[in-house]
Amino acid sequence: MSKQAGLPVLGQDDGACCAPMVREPLGEEAAAELSRMFKALSDPVRLRLLSLIASHEGGEACVCDLIGPFDVSQPTISHHLKVLREAGLVGSERRGTWVYYWVLPEALAQLSALLEIPAAAPTAAR
């Protein structure tokens, strides 16, 4: 993730009435960062992995807990976890022989802020 300030999260800005995408077009850097995250989540295995990690008791999961629910090999799971990590969606730490993963809340906040479009948001005429 870049060192630049991320997208504003709804409710943190007193003047914010709409999601960033509705208020103004995304800048090149923000679009590139967000597209990496969305691209990582476009794979069903990675989307399920993120969900499993986020919902795991304590907010983090050992890789040993993430292999069982899938009909793919351990190296494939490791590859998908690497993609999620490189996209800035999860953090990880080696503890002994196992690696533990957790979801990065700031990444989810960026995705959520972009997609949270109020019902009263302007739409294009059809």
Protein backbone atom coordinates (compact mmCIF):
# COMPACT_ATOMS: atom_id res chain seq x y z
CA MET A 1 0.00 0.00 0.00
CA SER A 2 1.19 3.50 -0.66
CA LYS A 3 2.30 5.96 1.96
CA GLN A 4 -0.19 8.47 0.55
CA ALA A 5 -3.38 9.11 2.48
CA GLY A 6 -6.05 6.55 1.61
CA LEU A 7 -9.56 7.23 0.49
CA PRO A 8 -11.68 8.93 3.15
CA VAL A 9 -14.00 6.67 5.09
CA LEU A 10 -17.64 7.73 5.20
CA GLY A 11 -18.66 9.37 8.44
CA GLN A 12 -15.17 10.72 9.16
CA ASP A 13 -15.60 13.91 7.15
CA ASP A 14 -18.36 16.27 8.29
CA GLY A 15 -19.03 17.37 4.69
CA ALA A 16 -19.09 13.86 3.24
CA CYS A 17 -22.47 12.98 1.78
CA CYS A 18 -21.44 10.49 -0.79
CA ALA A 19 -18.90 7.77 -1.42
CA PRO A 20 -15.66 9.00 -3.03
CA MET A 21 -16.53 7.53 -6.42
CA VAL A 22 -19.76 9.56 -6.54
CA ARG A 23 -18.21 12.81 -5.27
CA GLU A 24 -15.24 12.91 -7.63
CA PRO A 25 -13.35 10.66 -10.04
CA LEU A 26 -10.63 8.44 -8.63
CA GLY A 27 -7.07 9.57 -9.12
CA GLU A 28 -4.63 7.37 -10.99
CA GLU A 29 -2.77 6.22 -7.87
CA ALA A 30 -5.93 5.45 -5.88
CA ALA A 31 -7.42 3.55 -8.83
CA ALA A 32 -4.24 1.47 -9.22
CA GLU A 33 -4.15 0.59 -5.51
CA LEU A 34 -7.85 -0.28 -5.33
CA SER A 35 -7.72 -2.30 -8.55
CA ARG A 36 -4.97 -4.50 -7.04
CA MET A 37 -7.25 -5.23 -4.09
CA PHE A 38 -10.30 -5.92 -6.25
CA LYS A 39 -8.26 -8.08 -8.62
CA ALA A 40 -7.01 -10.16 -5.67
CA LEU A 41 -10.60 -10.61 -4.47
CA SER A 42 -11.89 -11.60 -7.91
CA ASP A 43 -10.79 -15.19 -7.33
CA PRO A 44 -13.36 -17.24 -5.33
CA VAL A 45 -10.67 -19.05 -3.31
CA ARG A 46 -9.05 -15.75 -2.27
CA LEU A 47 -12.42 -14.21 -1.43
CA ARG A 48 -13.24 -17.22 0.77
CA LEU A 49 -9.77 -17.11 2.36
CA LEU A 50 -10.26 -13.45 3.28
CA SER A 51 -13.67 -14.27 4.75
CA LEU A 52 -12.27 -17.21 6.72
CA ILE A 53 -9.46 -15.10 8.14
CA ALA A 54 -11.75 -12.17 9.01
CA SER A 55 -14.31 -14.39 10.73
CA HIS A 56 -11.78 -16.59 12.55
CA GLU A 57 -11.89 -16.44 16.35
CA GLY A 58 -9.46 -13.82 17.59
CA GLY A 59 -9.27 -12.10 14.19
CA GLU A 60 -6.32 -14.11 12.92
CA ALA A 61 -5.92 -17.58 11.48
CA CYS A 62 -3.07 -20.04 11.23
CA VAL A 63 -2.38 -21.29 7.73
CA CYS A 64 -3.02 -24.76 9.16
CA ASP A 65 -6.66 -23.70 9.74
CA LEU A 66 -7.06 -22.42 6.18
CA ILE A 67 -6.12 -25.52 4.20
CA GLY A 68 -8.95 -27.88 5.20
CA PRO A 69 -11.95 -26.00 3.74
CA PHE A 70 -10.55 -26.12 0.18
CA ASP A 71 -10.10 -28.83 -2.41
CA VAL A 72 -6.70 -27.47 -3.48
CA SER A 73 -3.14 -28.22 -2.38
CA GLN A 74 -1.25 -26.43 0.37
CA PRO A 75 1.08 -24.71 -2.14
CA THR A 76 -1.98 -23.34 -3.94
CA ILE A 77 -3.36 -21.93 -0.67
CA SER A 78 0.05 -20.40 0.03
CA HIS A 79 0.02 -18.76 -3.41
CA HIS A 80 -3.45 -17.28 -2.81
CA LEU A 81 -2.41 -15.99 0.61
CA LYS A 82 0.66 -14.38 -0.97
CA VAL A 83 -1.57 -12.60 -3.51
CA LEU A 84 -3.81 -11.31 -0.70
CA ARG A 85 -0.75 -10.15 1.24
CA GLU A 86 0.80 -8.40 -1.79
CA ALA A 87 -2.52 -6.67 -2.49
CA GLY A 88 -2.41 -5.21 1.02
CA LEU A 89 -5.49 -7.06 2.25
CA VAL A 90 -3.89 -9.26 4.91
CA GLY A 91 -0.88 -9.14 7.17
CA SER A 92 1.11 -12.16 8.29
CA GLU A 93 3.64 -13.30 10.84
CA ARG A 94 5.65 -16.51 11.20
CA ARG A 95 5.39 -18.11 14.63
CA GLY A 96 7.53 -21.20 14.86
CA THR A 97 6.66 -23.43 11.92
CA TRP A 98 3.29 -21.78 11.18
CA VAL A 99 2.29 -18.50 9.58
CA TYR A 100 -0.65 -16.54 10.98
CA TYR A 101 -2.78 -14.16 8.91
CA TRP A 102 -5.10 -11.30 9.79
CA VAL A 103 -7.18 -8.89 7.71
CA LEU A 104 -5.89 -5.31 7.50
CA PRO A 105 -8.82 -3.11 8.57
CA GLU A 106 -7.58 -0.05 6.66
CA ALA A 107 -7.75 -2.01 3.38
CA LEU A 108 -11.33 -3.09 4.05
CA ALA A 109 -12.20 0.50 4.98
CA GLN A 110 -10.88 1.71 1.61
CA LEU A 111 -12.90 -0.88 -0.31
CA SER A 112 -15.99 -0.23 1.77
CA ALA A 113 -15.78 3.54 1.39
CA LEU A 114 -15.55 3.23 -2.36
CA LEU A 115 -18.51 0.87 -2.67
CA GLU A 116 -20.85 2.43 -0.11
CA ILE A 117 -23.06 4.48 -2.36
CA PRO A 118 -26.18 5.98 -0.73
CA ALA A 119 -29.57 5.28 -2.31
CA ALA A 120 -29.90 8.99 -3.11
CA ALA A 121 -26.66 9.04 -5.10
CA PRO A 122 -26.90 10.56 -8.56
CA THR A 123 -27.24 8.05 -11.38
CA ALA A 124 -26.78 8.42 -15.09
CA ALA A 125 -29.92 8.91 -17.17
CA ARG A 126 -30.86 5.91 -19.25
